[in-house]
Amino acid sequence: MRWAAALTRAGITDPHLRRAYDVQRRLVRRFALHEYVAARLLLPARLHPPVIAAVAYMHTTDELIDTGEVGARKAALRRWDEETTAGIEERTPPTQPTLLALWDTTRRHPHMAARVRAFLDGARVEAEWTGFDSEADFQAYVDSYSLPALMLTASLIAPVPDAGADEPFVEGCRALIEGWQRCDFLADLSEDAEQGRIGIPQDELDRHGLKFEDLRSKSEACVPGLERLVRAQTELAEESLAECRVLPSLAAAEFRPFLEALIAVQELRLAAVQREGGGLLRREAGPGGLAALGILARQYRRARTQRRRE
């Protein structure tokens, strides 16, 4: 379905609002193409605008607090928190396009206001983050920041948002985002090391005989230890992704192709990281474009068949 038709299907007819959503669509298409295509192909049209608005808001927030000195990141988050809170609580629509789309989304989906609040509270962890000492620190990061970030969009397809009945769904989302986040930290190891922080706990580095400075300098002496670390970390990620396979069965039938594709693409990314192994010292790893498109195509055919039956 064309984007303009999806906006209409979602009840968004005001030209100013439509332009704000248009801006968010272009942003998400640029930085998260696989997720964008999955949402546009596999989710019901009425959910395209709110999903796009939520992903765009998450990305905008992350960009503000992901790089730079900790004090500057915390200050940026404080300002953005104030702008967001004022923006979604005011009766008058905000002028900033990202906040305007979010403002409209929270009015059409009232449960989203609480999800935004949880995400902003957790964003303090990201703004202060400089690395992990232990696996427990990584798990706390996932609980505080990664999961609330995912739930901005996942709550739109949860069985009964914020009513307790969606607890198994949230647990499945927790398993998905743990595997996803662990894979992200491995895939981005080279770039993150250059920026002075990585998502691998220090005790894991110690266990495999790795030093951060050697990773940052891309010393070839790191490669054997990095190979071992990648194997250990991807095994943990595989366990998490296996646990989240229950997610599609917990959602309404119309959302299952999207969830199946989301999980399958993460499994594809993880396989790419496993293959790269010690090569992650010098380059990032990601899923092959054709393989990812193949997953989306299969799920799209499944979704179309399901819609015909309905």
Foldseek 3Di string as FASTA:
>chain_A
DDLVVLCVVLVNDDPLLSVLLVVLLVVCCVPPVLLLLLCVQQAPSNCNSQLSLLLSVLVVLCVQQQADDLVSSLVSLVVVVVCLVCQLPDPDHDDNSSSNSVNVSCVSVVLLVVLVVQQSQLCNCNSNDQEAQDVVNLLVNLVRHQLSSVCSNVLVFFPDRPPPPRVVLSVLSSLLSSLLVLLVQLLCVQVVLCRRYGHDHPVLCVVLVHDSVCLPVLPPVCQVSQLVSLVVSLVSSVVSLVSNPCNLVRTPVSCNLSVVLSSVLSVQSSVQSNVCRSVSSPHGTHHDPVVSVVSSVVSSVVNVVVVVVD
